[in-house]
Amino acid sequence: MNEDEFVFHIPDPVLALPSPDRLELLDEEIADEIMWLGNRVLNLGRALDALDLSARNFDGFFERRREGYAVLAAQAMDLIDRLVSEYELRMPDKPDYYRQREGFVRVLQSSGESRQSTRTARQVNKTTGSNVTQLFPKATDDADWRPPK
């Protein structure tokens, strides 16, 4: 992607992982999950770079970016919760208005709803093999129903 093409109001998140010698202090399963989280962030960046930004609606770039980082952030928060519970750590106090998890849940719910509406729109507008555009496409299977004579 051309860096001059878009100006993001929110930069890409930066994942700061502990050094490998510090990860050795953790349970092997949690340490592996932390390392995999770093790979998932890199993979998301590469996937976003591979999208065709010249396509209509930028190939869903902004929606995929928002949803992808929300999923990764939720996974990171789950890992933090596991670390806190397994190693009896104490999280710093946060103000009442600081509710990150709820924000990520809203992002994921809204992206799921938009994906569902897109899928429904595609089903409604399926081509019939004809080069003639239908003026009134059938929205459901019930469209063939006629009242009895």
Foldseek 3Di string as FASTA:
>chain_A
DDPVPDDDPDDQDDDDDDDPVVLVVDDPVLSVLSVVLVVLSVVLVVVLVPFQCVDPVRNCSVLSSLLSVLVSVLSVVVSVVVCCVVVVHDDDDDDPVPDSNVVSVVSNVVSVVVVVVVVLVCVQLPDPPDPDHDPDTDSDPCVPDDDDD
